[in-house]
Amino acid sequence: MTSVATEEIKRLKCEGAELWRPNEILKCASVFFAKELDRPTTR
């Protein structure tokens, strides 16, 4: 493999990791808010 290809793979792995983090945060937030909506309200 060439050094250019190696650098491209490294860059893409970093980019993938950066995209993974916000997705995980959004998944956790959606679970949290779904639980809040399912909770019965008392008035």
PDB file of N, CA and C in Angstrom:
ATOM      1  N   MET A   1       0.846  -1.177   0.000  1.00  0.00           N
ATOM      2  CA  MET A   1       0.000   0.000   0.000  1.00  0.00           C
ATOM      3  C   MET A   1       0.894   1.243   0.000  1.00  0.00           C
ATOM      4  N   THR A   2       0.455   2.253  -0.680  1.00  0.00           N
ATOM      5  CA  THR A   2       1.254   3.480  -0.762  1.00  0.00           C
ATOM      6  C   THR A   2       1.024   4.330   0.483  1.00  0.00           C
ATOM      7  N   SER A   3       1.912   5.264   0.704  1.00  0.00           N
ATOM      8  CA  SER A   3       1.755   6.154   1.856  1.00  0.00           C
ATOM      9  C   SER A   3       0.532   7.045   1.689  1.00  0.00           C
ATOM     10  N   VAL A   4       0.191   7.362   0.458  1.00  0.00           N
ATOM     11  CA  VAL A   4      -1.010   8.174   0.202  1.00  0.00           C
ATOM     12  C   VAL A   4      -2.256   7.393   0.621  1.00  0.00           C
ATOM     13  N   ALA A   5      -2.305   6.129   0.257  1.00  0.00           N
ATOM     14  CA  ALA A   5      -3.451   5.295   0.627  1.00  0.00           C
ATOM     15  C   ALA A   5      -3.524   5.118   2.141  1.00  0.00           C
ATOM     16  N   THR A   6      -2.390   4.940   2.780  1.00  0.00           N
ATOM     17  CA  THR A   6      -2.345   4.784   4.232  1.00  0.00           C
ATOM     18  C   THR A   6      -2.861   6.044   4.927  1.00  0.00           C
ATOM     19  N   GLU A   7      -2.447   7.199   4.451  1.00  0.00           N
ATOM     20  CA  GLU A   7      -2.911   8.466   5.024  1.00  0.00           C
ATOM     21  C   GLU A   7      -4.410   8.653   4.806  1.00  0.00           C
ATOM     22  N   GLU A   8      -4.897   8.258   3.644  1.00  0.00           N
ATOM     23  CA  GLU A   8      -6.333   8.371   3.345  1.00  0.00           C
ATOM     24  C   GLU A   8      -7.138   7.476   4.278  1.00  0.00           C
ATOM     25  N   ILE A   9      -6.679   6.276   4.509  1.00  0.00           N
ATOM     26  CA  ILE A   9      -7.363   5.360   5.426  1.00  0.00           C
ATOM     27  C   ILE A   9      -7.382   5.932   6.835  1.00  0.00           C
ATOM     28  N   LYS A  10      -6.261   6.485   7.269  1.00  0.00           N
ATOM     29  CA  LYS A  10      -6.188   7.096   8.602  1.00  0.00           C
ATOM     30  C   LYS A  10      -7.169   8.252   8.712  1.00  0.00           C
ATOM     31  N   ARG A  11      -7.226   9.090   7.678  1.00  0.00           N
ATOM     32  CA  ARG A  11      -8.133  10.241   7.671  1.00  0.00           C
ATOM     33  C   ARG A  11      -9.592   9.788   7.725  1.00  0.00           C
ATOM     34  N   LEU A  12      -9.917   8.760   6.938  1.00  0.00           N
ATOM     35  CA  LEU A  12     -11.292   8.276   6.911  1.00  0.00           C
ATOM     36  C   LEU A  12     -11.698   7.638   8.230  1.00  0.00           C
ATOM     37  N   LYS A  13     -10.775   6.961   8.896  1.00  0.00           N
ATOM     38  CA  LYS A  13     -11.079   6.378  10.208  1.00  0.00           C
ATOM     39  C   LYS A  13     -11.378   7.470  11.223  1.00  0.00           C
ATOM     40  N   CYS A  14     -10.594   8.537  11.202  1.00  0.00           N
ATOM     41  CA  CYS A  14     -10.838   9.665  12.110  1.00  0.00           C
ATOM     42  C   CYS A  14     -12.181  10.316  11.805  1.00  0.00           C
ATOM     43  N   GLU A  15     -12.466  10.492  10.541  1.00  0.00           N
ATOM     44  CA  GLU A  15     -13.734  11.094  10.134  1.00  0.00           C
ATOM     45  C   GLU A  15     -14.899  10.217  10.573  1.00  0.00           C
ATOM     46  N   GLY A  16     -14.763   8.917  10.436  1.00  0.00           N
ATOM     47  CA  GLY A  16     -15.807   7.988  10.873  1.00  0.00           C
ATOM     48  C   GLY A  16     -16.042   8.082  12.368  1.00  0.00           C
ATOM     49  N   ALA A  17     -14.966   8.192  13.134  1.00  0.00           N
ATOM     50  CA  ALA A  17     -15.102   8.316  14.589  1.00  0.00           C
ATOM     51  C   ALA A  17     -15.809   9.612  14.956  1.00  0.00           C
ATOM     52  N   GLU A  18     -15.506  10.693  14.241  1.00  0.00           N
ATOM     53  CA  GLU A  18     -16.156  11.971  14.508  1.00  0.00           C
ATOM     54  C   GLU A  18     -17.648  11.906  14.198  1.00  0.00           C
ATOM     55  N   LEU A  19     -18.036  11.151  13.204  1.00  0.00           N
ATOM     56  CA  LEU A  19     -19.444  11.029  12.849  1.00  0.00           C
ATOM     57  C   LEU A  19     -20.172  10.082  13.797  1.00  0.00           C
ATOM     58  N   TRP A  20     -19.481   9.123  14.363  1.00  0.00           N
ATOM     59  CA  TRP A  20     -20.084   8.137  15.249  1.00  0.00           C
ATOM     60  C   TRP A  20     -20.534   8.780  16.556  1.00  0.00           C
ATOM     61  N   ARG A  21     -19.719   9.679  17.103  1.00  0.00           N
ATOM     62  CA  ARG A  21     -20.031  10.287  18.408  1.00  0.00           C
ATOM     63  C   ARG A  21     -21.367  11.033  18.422  1.00  0.00           C
ATOM     64  N   PRO A  22     -21.616  11.942  17.490  1.00  0.00           N
ATOM     65  CA  PRO A  22     -22.915  12.637  17.520  1.00  0.00           C
ATOM     66  C   PRO A  22     -24.095  11.683  17.351  1.00  0.00           C
ATOM     67  N   ASN A  23     -23.924  10.640  16.552  1.00  0.00           N
ATOM     68  CA  ASN A  23     -25.014   9.670  16.388  1.00  0.00           C
ATOM     69  C   ASN A  23     -25.338   8.997  17.715  1.00  0.00           C
ATOM     70  N   GLU A  24     -24.320   8.622  18.473  1.00  0.00           N
ATOM     71  CA  GLU A  24     -24.551   7.986  19.763  1.00  0.00           C
ATOM     72  C   GLU A  24     -25.236   8.938  20.734  1.00  0.00           C
ATOM     73  N   ILE A  25     -24.837  10.190  20.722  1.00  0.00           N
ATOM     74  CA  ILE A  25     -25.468  11.190  21.591  1.00  0.00           C
ATOM     75  C   ILE A  25     -26.935  11.355  21.221  1.00  0.00           C
ATOM     76  N   LEU A  26     -27.218  11.422  19.921  1.00  0.00           N
ATOM     77  CA  LEU A  26     -28.610  11.569  19.481  1.00  0.00           C
ATOM     78  C   LEU A  26     -29.444  10.343  19.826  1.00  0.00           C
ATOM     79  N   LYS A  27     -28.876   9.164  19.719  1.00  0.00           N
ATOM     80  CA  LYS A  27     -29.601   7.945  20.099  1.00  0.00           C
ATOM     81  C   LYS A  27     -29.950   7.971  21.581  1.00  0.00           C
ATOM     82  N   CYS A  28     -28.983   8.331  22.414  1.00  0.00           N
ATOM     83  CA  CYS A  28     -29.233   8.391  23.857  1.00  0.00           C
ATOM     84  C   CYS A  28     -30.289   9.438  24.184  1.00  0.00           C
ATOM     85  N   ALA A  29     -30.218  10.574  23.527  1.00  0.00           N
ATOM     86  CA  ALA A  29     -31.195  11.629  23.768  1.00  0.00           C
ATOM     87  C   ALA A  29     -32.592  11.187  23.341  1.00  0.00           C
ATOM     88  N   SER A  30     -32.700  10.505  22.232  1.00  0.00           N
ATOM     89  CA  SER A  30     -34.020  10.073  21.775  1.00  0.00           C
ATOM     90  C   SER A  30     -34.614   9.041  22.721  1.00  0.00           C
ATOM     91  N   VAL A  31     -33.782   8.165  23.275  1.00  0.00           N
ATOM     92  CA  VAL A  31     -34.273   7.194  24.266  1.00  0.00           C
ATOM     93  C   VAL A  31     -34.760   7.933  25.507  1.00  0.00           C
ATOM     94  N   PHE A  32     -33.984   8.900  25.968  1.00  0.00           N
ATOM     95  CA  PHE A  32     -34.363   9.681  27.150  1.00  0.00           C
ATOM     96  C   PHE A  32     -35.707  10.366  26.944  1.00  0.00           C
ATOM     97  N   PHE A  33     -35.865  11.067  25.822  1.00  0.00           N
ATOM     98  CA  PHE A  33     -37.097  11.802  25.591  1.00  0.00           C
ATOM     99  C   PHE A  33     -38.279  10.875  25.331  1.00  0.00           C
ATOM    100  N   ALA A  34     -38.042   9.729  24.739  1.00  0.00           N
ATOM    101  CA  ALA A  34     -39.120   8.764  24.547  1.00  0.00           C
ATOM    102  C   ALA A  34     -39.628   8.267  25.900  1.00  0.00           C
ATOM    103  N   LYS A  35     -38.714   8.037  26.831  1.00  0.00           N
ATOM    104  CA  LYS A  35     -39.118   7.613  28.174  1.00  0.00           C
ATOM    105  C   LYS A  35     -39.908   8.721  28.868  1.00  0.00           C
ATOM    106  N   GLU A  36     -39.488   9.974  28.668  1.00  0.00           N
ATOM    107  CA  GLU A  36     -40.205  11.095  29.270  1.00  0.00           C
ATOM    108  C   GLU A  36     -41.628  11.189  28.726  1.00  0.00           C
ATOM    109  N   LEU A  37     -41.796  10.947  27.441  1.00  0.00           N
ATOM    110  CA  LEU A  37     -43.123  11.021  26.836  1.00  0.00           C
ATOM    111  C   LEU A  37     -44.028   9.872  27.286  1.00  0.00           C
ATOM    112  N   ASP A  38     -43.440   8.723  27.583  1.00  0.00           N
ATOM    113  CA  ASP A  38     -44.215   7.565  27.995  1.00  0.00           C
ATOM    114  C   ASP A  38     -44.643   7.629  29.454  1.00  0.00           C
ATOM    115  N   ARG A  39     -43.975   8.492  30.226  1.00  0.00           N
ATOM    116  CA  ARG A  39     -44.289   8.575  31.644  1.00  0.00           C
ATOM    117  C   ARG A  39     -45.648   9.242  31.831  1.00  0.00           C
ATOM    118  N   PRO A  40     -46.516   8.651  32.678  1.00  0.00           N
ATOM    119  CA  PRO A  40     -47.830   9.289  32.898  1.00  0.00           C
ATOM    120  C   PRO A  40     -47.663  10.601  33.665  1.00  0.00           C
ATOM    121  N   THR A  41     -48.479  11.570  33.324  1.00  0.00           N
ATOM    122  CA  THR A  41     -48.430  12.863  34.021  1.00  0.00           C
ATOM    123  C   THR A  41     -49.504  12.891  35.083  1.00  0.00           C
ATOM    124  N   THR A  42     -49.209  13.534  36.192  1.00  0.00           N
ATOM    125  CA  THR A  42     -50.199  13.687  37.257  1.00  0.00           C
ATOM    126  C   THR A  42     -50.508  15.168  37.406  1.00  0.00           C
ATOM    127  N   ARG A  43     -51.784  15.486  37.316  1.00  0.00           N
ATOM    128  CA  ARG A  43     -52.210  16.877  37.467  1.00  0.00           C
ATOM    129  C   ARG A  43     -53.351  16.969  38.423  1.00  0.00           C
TER     130      ARG A  43
END
